[in-house]
Amino acid sequence: MVLSSFFRSPRAVFSAAIVLRVAFLVYGVLQDAYSSVKYTDIDYFVFTDAARFLSRGQSPYARDTYRYTPLLAWLIYPTTWSGVWFSFGKVLFAAGDIVTGWMMFRILRAYQNMSQARALKYASIWLLNPMVAAISTRGSSEGLLGVFVTALLWAVLAKRITLAGFLLGFAVHFKIYPFIYATSIVWWLGDGVAEKRDSKPVATSSLMASTRSFLTPQRLTLAISSLSTFVGLNVIMYYA
């Protein structure tokens, strides 16, 4: 009964998700301070070192093994300040987890017509998952990527194609693997007309006609906006 009422309250679920991440963050600080086995992911030290190089007017790639976009180093620039600011990136990544879970909840409600309780249960697989919380609070940037990818899904479902293209280009710039979602999106953005195929060869079909049929305005908009965003960000980060 208590569990049932818990999943009927977005405030309860999201508060629990926040408390979970705060607990992990505090535990991580204590483990780093008193244990030889560190809680903080080694990549987080790479990120923060790259941000430190930026603060000195140098390239983030002066830090060995930094292989990410300079944008990531800029996003966690406050970690270069002293004291508790070192954990700023972890807090940012954990906040990304919460935002991702909230968008999942809203997508399930708006586009899958789920009840509030059922949508919260599905979103809780992410929000209340200790592994997800540990990954972000240890200093992995995947929490931010989750925001970009989930926002991309929302934009596609909402048919906001230019925004979807921007988010796709942004996500691929941030980390290359979200490119794999482009295929599914392009396939989904069909013109709504089922192609009729016959066992007999169709004389009027041609490669040019098939190409024209495939290149719908939505698909072209997605391709142009995502490519221009990706290229634009690369150029900006190269000269920044």
C-alpha atoms as a PDB file:
ATOM      1  CA  MET A   1       0.000   0.000   0.000  1.00  0.00           C
ATOM      2  CA  VAL A   2       2.832   2.367   0.912  1.00  0.00           C
ATOM      3  CA  LEU A   3       4.689   1.449  -2.279  1.00  0.00           C
ATOM      4  CA  SER A   4       1.562   2.013  -4.343  1.00  0.00           C
ATOM      5  CA  SER A   5       1.047   5.502  -2.913  1.00  0.00           C
ATOM      6  CA  PHE A   6       4.749   6.246  -3.392  1.00  0.00           C
ATOM      7  CA  PHE A   7       4.505   5.729  -7.153  1.00  0.00           C
ATOM      8  CA  ARG A   8       1.460   7.968  -7.346  1.00  0.00           C
ATOM      9  CA  SER A   9       3.507  10.943  -6.206  1.00  0.00           C
ATOM     10  CA  PRO A  10       6.066  12.517  -8.580  1.00  0.00           C
ATOM     11  CA  ARG A  11       7.358  14.584  -5.653  1.00  0.00           C
ATOM     12  CA  ALA A  12       8.088  11.436  -3.637  1.00  0.00           C
ATOM     13  CA  VAL A  13       9.845   9.643  -6.500  1.00  0.00           C
ATOM     14  CA  PHE A  14      11.975  12.590  -7.559  1.00  0.00           C
ATOM     15  CA  SER A  15      12.806  13.510  -3.960  1.00  0.00           C
ATOM     16  CA  ALA A  16      13.968   9.931  -3.375  1.00  0.00           C
ATOM     17  CA  ALA A  17      16.077  10.100  -6.545  1.00  0.00           C
ATOM     18  CA  ILE A  18      17.729  13.324  -5.365  1.00  0.00           C
ATOM     19  CA  VAL A  19      18.357  11.949  -1.859  1.00  0.00           C
ATOM     20  CA  LEU A  20      19.909   8.824  -3.380  1.00  0.00           C
ATOM     21  CA  ARG A  21      22.400  10.902  -5.354  1.00  0.00           C
ATOM     22  CA  VAL A  22      23.196  13.191  -2.441  1.00  0.00           C
ATOM     23  CA  ALA A  23      23.926  10.105  -0.319  1.00  0.00           C
ATOM     24  CA  PHE A  24      26.247   8.739  -2.997  1.00  0.00           C
ATOM     25  CA  LEU A  25      28.028  12.093  -3.298  1.00  0.00           C
ATOM     26  CA  VAL A  26      28.618  12.325   0.452  1.00  0.00           C
ATOM     27  CA  TYR A  27      29.733   8.707   0.623  1.00  0.00           C
ATOM     28  CA  GLY A  28      32.126   9.343  -2.260  1.00  0.00           C
ATOM     29  CA  VAL A  29      33.754  12.273  -0.482  1.00  0.00           C
ATOM     30  CA  LEU A  30      34.275  10.145   2.637  1.00  0.00           C
ATOM     31  CA  GLN A  31      35.653   7.183   0.708  1.00  0.00           C
ATOM     32  CA  ASP A  32      38.071   9.397  -1.220  1.00  0.00           C
ATOM     33  CA  ALA A  33      39.254  10.937   2.052  1.00  0.00           C
ATOM     34  CA  TYR A  34      39.715   7.773   4.111  1.00  0.00           C
ATOM     35  CA  SER A  35      40.223   4.891   1.694  1.00  0.00           C
ATOM     36  CA  SER A  36      43.070   3.978  -0.616  1.00  0.00           C
ATOM     37  CA  VAL A  37      40.429   2.782  -3.107  1.00  0.00           C
ATOM     38  CA  LYS A  38      38.934   5.950  -4.511  1.00  0.00           C
ATOM     39  CA  TYR A  39      35.248   6.389  -5.282  1.00  0.00           C
ATOM     40  CA  THR A  40      35.879   9.072  -7.905  1.00  0.00           C
ATOM     41  CA  ASP A  41      36.299   7.753 -11.437  1.00  0.00           C
ATOM     42  CA  ILE A  42      39.735   8.296 -12.969  1.00  0.00           C
ATOM     43  CA  ASP A  43      38.087  10.036 -15.931  1.00  0.00           C
ATOM     44  CA  TYR A  44      36.792  12.733 -13.596  1.00  0.00           C
ATOM     45  CA  PHE A  45      40.360  13.675 -12.759  1.00  0.00           C
ATOM     46  CA  VAL A  46      41.051  13.835 -16.492  1.00  0.00           C
ATOM     47  CA  PHE A  47      38.058  16.182 -16.962  1.00  0.00           C
ATOM     48  CA  THR A  48      39.049  18.449 -14.089  1.00  0.00           C
ATOM     49  CA  ASP A  49      42.691  18.567 -15.182  1.00  0.00           C
ATOM     50  CA  ALA A  50      41.548  19.587 -18.674  1.00  0.00           C
ATOM     51  CA  ALA A  51      39.412  22.355 -17.136  1.00  0.00           C
ATOM     52  CA  ARG A  52      42.454  23.487 -15.157  1.00  0.00           C
ATOM     53  CA  PHE A  53      44.483  23.789 -18.344  1.00  0.00           C
ATOM     54  CA  LEU A  54      41.666  25.914 -19.808  1.00  0.00           C
ATOM     55  CA  SER A  55      41.791  28.191 -16.778  1.00  0.00           C
ATOM     56  CA  ARG A  56      45.470  28.778 -17.541  1.00  0.00           C
ATOM     57  CA  GLY A  57      44.745  29.703 -21.137  1.00  0.00           C
ATOM     58  CA  GLN A  58      45.986  26.369 -22.496  1.00  0.00           C
ATOM     59  CA  SER A  59      44.338  23.652 -24.563  1.00  0.00           C
ATOM     60  CA  PRO A  60      42.444  20.963 -22.625  1.00  0.00           C
ATOM     61  CA  TYR A  61      44.301  18.454 -24.775  1.00  0.00           C
ATOM     62  CA  ALA A  62      47.482  19.374 -22.956  1.00  0.00           C
ATOM     63  CA  ARG A  63      46.156  16.873 -20.445  1.00  0.00           C
ATOM     64  CA  ASP A  64      47.214  13.375 -21.533  1.00  0.00           C
ATOM     65  CA  THR A  65      44.312  10.999 -22.365  1.00  0.00           C
ATOM     66  CA  TYR A  66      41.740  13.815 -22.624  1.00  0.00           C
ATOM     67  CA  ARG A  67      39.788  12.768 -25.706  1.00  0.00           C
ATOM     68  CA  TYR A  68      36.528  14.641 -25.289  1.00  0.00           C
ATOM     69  CA  THR A  69      35.098  17.870 -26.637  1.00  0.00           C
ATOM     70  CA  PRO A  70      36.517  21.067 -25.052  1.00  0.00           C
ATOM     71  CA  LEU A  71      32.889  21.892 -24.272  1.00  0.00           C
ATOM     72  CA  LEU A  72      32.951  19.320 -21.469  1.00  0.00           C
ATOM     73  CA  ALA A  73      35.968  20.997 -19.881  1.00  0.00           C
ATOM     74  CA  TRP A  74      34.214  24.368 -20.153  1.00  0.00           C
ATOM     75  CA  LEU A  75      31.040  22.980 -18.551  1.00  0.00           C
ATOM     76  CA  ILE A  76      32.948  21.892 -15.443  1.00  0.00           C
ATOM     77  CA  TYR A  77      35.145  24.994 -15.312  1.00  0.00           C
ATOM     78  CA  PRO A  78      34.025  25.753 -11.699  1.00  0.00           C
ATOM     79  CA  THR A  79      35.973  22.649 -10.587  1.00  0.00           C
ATOM     80  CA  THR A  80      39.108  24.744 -11.013  1.00  0.00           C
ATOM     81  CA  TRP A  81      38.027  26.821  -8.027  1.00  0.00           C
ATOM     82  CA  SER A  82      39.109  25.648  -4.601  1.00  0.00           C
ATOM     83  CA  GLY A  83      37.326  23.589  -1.943  1.00  0.00           C
ATOM     84  CA  VAL A  84      33.973  21.957  -2.501  1.00  0.00           C
ATOM     85  CA  TRP A  85      33.858  23.234  -6.094  1.00  0.00           C
ATOM     86  CA  PHE A  86      35.897  20.174  -7.085  1.00  0.00           C
ATOM     87  CA  SER A  87      32.641  18.187  -6.898  1.00  0.00           C
ATOM     88  CA  PHE A  88      30.760  20.601  -9.164  1.00  0.00           C
ATOM     89  CA  GLY A  89      31.025  18.267 -12.154  1.00  0.00           C
ATOM     90  CA  LYS A  90      29.633  15.328 -10.189  1.00  0.00           C
ATOM     91  CA  VAL A  91      26.679  17.427  -9.053  1.00  0.00           C
ATOM     92  CA  LEU A  92      26.116  18.558 -12.645  1.00  0.00           C
ATOM     93  CA  PHE A  93      26.188  14.985 -13.948  1.00  0.00           C
ATOM     94  CA  ALA A  94      23.856  13.788 -11.162  1.00  0.00           C
ATOM     95  CA  ALA A  95      21.459  16.635 -11.943  1.00  0.00           C
ATOM     96  CA  GLY A  96      21.534  15.406 -15.544  1.00  0.00           C
ATOM     97  CA  ASP A  97      20.276  12.039 -14.285  1.00  0.00           C
ATOM     98  CA  ILE A  98      17.305  13.725 -12.623  1.00  0.00           C
ATOM     99  CA  VAL A  99      16.457  15.800 -15.703  1.00  0.00           C
ATOM    100  CA  THR A 100      16.681  12.688 -17.878  1.00  0.00           C
ATOM    101  CA  GLY A 101      14.285  10.838 -15.573  1.00  0.00           C
ATOM    102  CA  TRP A 102      11.863  13.755 -15.609  1.00  0.00           C
ATOM    103  CA  MET A 103      11.849  13.814 -19.424  1.00  0.00           C
ATOM    104  CA  MET A 104      11.291  10.054 -19.509  1.00  0.00           C
ATOM    105  CA  PHE A 105       8.290  10.532 -17.239  1.00  0.00           C
ATOM    106  CA  ARG A 106       6.868  13.331 -19.398  1.00  0.00           C
ATOM    107  CA  ILE A 107       7.404  11.389 -22.646  1.00  0.00           C
ATOM    108  CA  LEU A 108       5.637   8.318 -21.260  1.00  0.00           C
ATOM    109  CA  ARG A 109       2.717  10.455 -20.086  1.00  0.00           C
ATOM    110  CA  ALA A 110       2.368  12.525 -23.251  1.00  0.00           C
ATOM    111  CA  TYR A 111       3.225  10.067 -26.023  1.00  0.00           C
ATOM    112  CA  GLN A 112       2.453   6.645 -24.536  1.00  0.00           C
ATOM    113  CA  ASN A 113      -0.713   7.736 -22.688  1.00  0.00           C
ATOM    114  CA  MET A 114       0.446   6.060 -19.493  1.00  0.00           C
ATOM    115  CA  SER A 115      -1.114   6.761 -16.143  1.00  0.00           C
ATOM    116  CA  GLN A 116       0.983   8.834 -13.766  1.00  0.00           C
ATOM    117  CA  ALA A 117       1.731   5.882 -11.498  1.00  0.00           C
ATOM    118  CA  ARG A 118       2.785   3.597 -14.345  1.00  0.00           C
ATOM    119  CA  ALA A 119       4.958   6.278 -15.962  1.00  0.00           C
ATOM    120  CA  LEU A 120       6.657   6.917 -12.623  1.00  0.00           C
ATOM    121  CA  LYS A 121       7.366   3.203 -12.202  1.00  0.00           C
ATOM    122  CA  TYR A 122       9.073   3.045 -15.585  1.00  0.00           C
ATOM    123  CA  ALA A 123      10.998   6.277 -14.978  1.00  0.00           C
ATOM    124  CA  SER A 124      12.079   4.908 -11.591  1.00  0.00           C
ATOM    125  CA  ILE A 125      14.027   2.175 -13.338  1.00  0.00           C
ATOM    126  CA  TRP A 126      16.387   5.025 -14.191  1.00  0.00           C
ATOM    127  CA  LEU A 127      15.786   7.446 -11.330  1.00  0.00           C
ATOM    128  CA  LEU A 128      16.083   4.962  -8.444  1.00  0.00           C
ATOM    129  CA  ASN A 129      18.690   2.702 -10.007  1.00  0.00           C
ATOM    130  CA  PRO A 130      21.785   2.674  -7.729  1.00  0.00           C
ATOM    131  CA  MET A 131      24.044   1.858 -10.685  1.00  0.00           C
ATOM    132  CA  VAL A 132      22.875   4.921 -12.627  1.00  0.00           C
ATOM    133  CA  ALA A 133      23.337   7.106  -9.540  1.00  0.00           C
ATOM    134  CA  ALA A 134      26.803   5.687  -8.857  1.00  0.00           C
ATOM    135  CA  ILE A 135      28.006   6.257 -12.421  1.00  0.00           C
ATOM    136  CA  SER A 136      27.151   9.961 -12.422  1.00  0.00           C
ATOM    137  CA  THR A 137      28.262  10.654  -8.842  1.00  0.00           C
ATOM    138  CA  ARG A 138      31.609   8.997  -9.500  1.00  0.00           C
ATOM    139  CA  GLY A 139      32.157  11.622 -12.189  1.00  0.00           C
ATOM    140  CA  SER A 140      31.017  10.080 -15.475  1.00  0.00           C
ATOM    141  CA  SER A 141      29.622  12.531 -18.012  1.00  0.00           C
ATOM    142  CA  GLU A 142      27.062   9.994 -19.254  1.00  0.00           C
ATOM    143  CA  GLY A 143      24.433  11.742 -17.142  1.00  0.00           C
ATOM    144  CA  LEU A 144      24.653  14.785 -19.396  1.00  0.00           C
ATOM    145  CA  LEU A 145      24.540  12.687 -22.534  1.00  0.00           C
ATOM    146  CA  GLY A 146      21.373  11.082 -21.207  1.00  0.00           C
ATOM    147  CA  VAL A 147      19.782  14.544 -21.139  1.00  0.00           C
ATOM    148  CA  PHE A 148      20.715  15.237 -24.768  1.00  0.00           C
ATOM    149  CA  VAL A 149      19.523  11.848 -26.054  1.00  0.00           C
ATOM    150  CA  THR A 150      16.227  11.904 -24.134  1.00  0.00           C
ATOM    151  CA  ALA A 151      15.591  15.472 -25.272  1.00  0.00           C
ATOM    152  CA  LEU A 152      16.279  14.266 -28.824  1.00  0.00           C
ATOM    153  CA  LEU A 153      13.626  11.571 -28.434  1.00  0.00           C
ATOM    154  CA  TRP A 154      11.126  14.149 -27.160  1.00  0.00           C
ATOM    155  CA  ALA A 155      11.868  16.535 -30.052  1.00  0.00           C
ATOM    156  CA  VAL A 156      11.351  13.770 -32.614  1.00  0.00           C
ATOM    157  CA  LEU A 157       8.069  12.651 -31.055  1.00  0.00           C
ATOM    158  CA  ALA A 158       6.913  16.269 -30.878  1.00  0.00           C
ATOM    159  CA  LYS A 159       7.813  16.672 -34.576  1.00  0.00           C
ATOM    160  CA  ARG A 160      10.144  19.556 -33.782  1.00  0.00           C
ATOM    161  CA  ILE A 161      12.545  18.425 -36.447  1.00  0.00           C
ATOM    162  CA  THR A 162      14.927  21.390 -36.530  1.00  0.00           C
ATOM    163  CA  LEU A 163      15.390  21.132 -32.774  1.00  0.00           C
ATOM    164  CA  ALA A 164      15.838  17.372 -33.105  1.00  0.00           C
ATOM    165  CA  GLY A 165      18.572  17.953 -35.673  1.00  0.00           C
ATOM    166  CA  PHE A 166      20.298  20.415 -33.364  1.00  0.00           C
ATOM    167  CA  LEU A 167      20.160  17.967 -30.450  1.00  0.00           C
ATOM    168  CA  LEU A 168      21.422  15.100 -32.604  1.00  0.00           C
ATOM    169  CA  GLY A 169      24.350  17.188 -33.844  1.00  0.00           C
ATOM    170  CA  PHE A 170      25.065  18.384 -30.305  1.00  0.00           C
ATOM    171  CA  ALA A 171      24.972  14.840 -28.882  1.00  0.00           C
ATOM    172  CA  VAL A 172      27.271  13.475 -31.596  1.00  0.00           C
ATOM    173  CA  HIS A 173      29.679  16.347 -30.991  1.00  0.00           C
ATOM    174  CA  PHE A 174      29.652  15.563 -27.272  1.00  0.00           C
ATOM    175  CA  LYS A 175      30.261  11.844 -27.849  1.00  0.00           C
ATOM    176  CA  ILE A 176      30.268  10.163 -31.227  1.00  0.00           C
ATOM    177  CA  TYR A 177      28.083   7.117 -30.528  1.00  0.00           C
ATOM    178  CA  PRO A 178      24.642   8.864 -30.455  1.00  0.00           C
ATOM    179  CA  PHE A 179      25.045   8.875 -34.242  1.00  0.00           C
ATOM    180  CA  ILE A 180      23.552   5.380 -34.184  1.00  0.00           C
ATOM    181  CA  TYR A 181      20.160   6.894 -33.303  1.00  0.00           C
ATOM    182  CA  ALA A 182      20.089   8.796 -36.588  1.00  0.00           C
ATOM    183  CA  THR A 183      19.167   5.664 -38.542  1.00  0.00           C
ATOM    184  CA  SER A 184      16.126   4.964 -36.385  1.00  0.00           C
ATOM    185  CA  ILE A 185      15.003   8.591 -36.522  1.00  0.00           C
ATOM    186  CA  VAL A 186      15.361   8.796 -40.302  1.00  0.00           C
ATOM    187  CA  TRP A 187      13.429   5.551 -40.707  1.00  0.00           C
ATOM    188  CA  TRP A 188      10.668   6.841 -38.396  1.00  0.00           C
ATOM    189  CA  LEU A 189      10.407  10.139 -40.271  1.00  0.00           C
ATOM    190  CA  GLY A 190       8.745   8.564 -43.276  1.00  0.00           C
ATOM    191  CA  ASP A 191       6.079  10.235 -45.336  1.00  0.00           C
ATOM    192  CA  GLY A 192       3.398   7.956 -43.883  1.00  0.00           C
ATOM    193  CA  VAL A 193       2.757   6.257 -47.207  1.00  0.00           C
ATOM    194  CA  ALA A 194       3.290   2.537 -47.157  1.00  0.00           C
ATOM    195  CA  GLU A 195       5.374   1.302 -50.015  1.00  0.00           C
ATOM    196  CA  LYS A 196       3.618  -1.384 -51.995  1.00  0.00           C
ATOM    197  CA  ARG A 197       5.889  -4.069 -53.328  1.00  0.00           C
ATOM    198  CA  ASP A 198       4.901  -6.808 -55.714  1.00  0.00           C
ATOM    199  CA  SER A 199       6.678 -10.006 -56.510  1.00  0.00           C
ATOM    200  CA  LYS A 200       6.824  -8.829 -60.143  1.00  0.00           C
ATOM    201  CA  PRO A 201       9.388  -6.193 -61.147  1.00  0.00           C
ATOM    202  CA  VAL A 202       7.882  -2.717 -61.471  1.00  0.00           C
ATOM    203  CA  ALA A 203       8.954  -1.123 -64.725  1.00  0.00           C
ATOM    204  CA  THR A 204       8.366   2.436 -63.587  1.00  0.00           C
ATOM    205  CA  SER A 205      10.536   2.186 -60.478  1.00  0.00           C
ATOM    206  CA  SER A 206      13.978   3.730 -60.605  1.00  0.00           C
ATOM    207  CA  LEU A 207      16.790   4.727 -58.342  1.00  0.00           C
ATOM    208  CA  MET A 208      16.004   8.401 -58.856  1.00  0.00           C
ATOM    209  CA  ALA A 209      12.341   7.935 -57.974  1.00  0.00           C
ATOM    210  CA  SER A 210      13.279   5.985 -54.846  1.00  0.00           C
ATOM    211  CA  THR A 211      15.730   8.709 -53.846  1.00  0.00           C
ATOM    212  CA  ARG A 212      13.116  11.428 -54.303  1.00  0.00           C
ATOM    213  CA  SER A 213      10.671   9.402 -52.239  1.00  0.00           C
ATOM    214  CA  PHE A 214      13.221   8.959 -49.449  1.00  0.00           C
ATOM    215  CA  LEU A 215      14.347  12.606 -49.290  1.00  0.00           C
ATOM    216  CA  THR A 216      11.302  14.014 -47.550  1.00  0.00           C
ATOM    217  CA  PRO A 217      11.352  17.583 -46.178  1.00  0.00           C
ATOM    218  CA  GLN A 218      11.544  16.282 -42.595  1.00  0.00           C
ATOM    219  CA  ARG A 219      14.516  14.057 -43.339  1.00  0.00           C
ATOM    220  CA  LEU A 220      16.323  16.839 -45.184  1.00  0.00           C
ATOM    221  CA  THR A 221      15.656  19.263 -42.337  1.00  0.00           C
ATOM    222  CA  LEU A 222      17.023  16.755 -39.821  1.00  0.00           C
ATOM    223  CA  ALA A 223      20.139  16.098 -41.911  1.00  0.00           C
ATOM    224  CA  ILE A 224      20.904  19.765 -42.564  1.00  0.00           C
ATOM    225  CA  SER A 225      20.305  20.952 -38.998  1.00  0.00           C
ATOM    226  CA  SER A 226      22.234  18.099 -37.378  1.00  0.00           C
ATOM    227  CA  LEU A 227      25.186  18.346 -39.772  1.00  0.00           C
ATOM    228  CA  SER A 228      25.413  22.136 -39.482  1.00  0.00           C
ATOM    229  CA  THR A 229      25.267  21.901 -35.676  1.00  0.00           C
ATOM    230  CA  PHE A 230      27.945  19.212 -35.575  1.00  0.00           C
ATOM    231  CA  VAL A 231      30.273  21.046 -37.954  1.00  0.00           C
ATOM    232  CA  GLY A 232      29.599  24.420 -36.331  1.00  0.00           C
ATOM    233  CA  LEU A 233      30.410  23.147 -32.845  1.00  0.00           C
ATOM    234  CA  ASN A 234      33.582  21.472 -34.085  1.00  0.00           C
ATOM    235  CA  VAL A 235      34.756  24.706 -35.704  1.00  0.00           C
ATOM    236  CA  ILE A 236      33.898  26.774 -32.625  1.00  0.00           C
ATOM    237  CA  MET A 237      35.653  24.371 -30.266  1.00  0.00           C
ATOM    238  CA  TYR A 238      38.686  24.221 -32.567  1.00  0.00           C
ATOM    239  CA  TYR A 239      39.186  27.979 -32.411  1.00  0.00           C
ATOM    240  CA  ALA A 240      37.989  28.464 -28.813  1.00  0.00           C
END
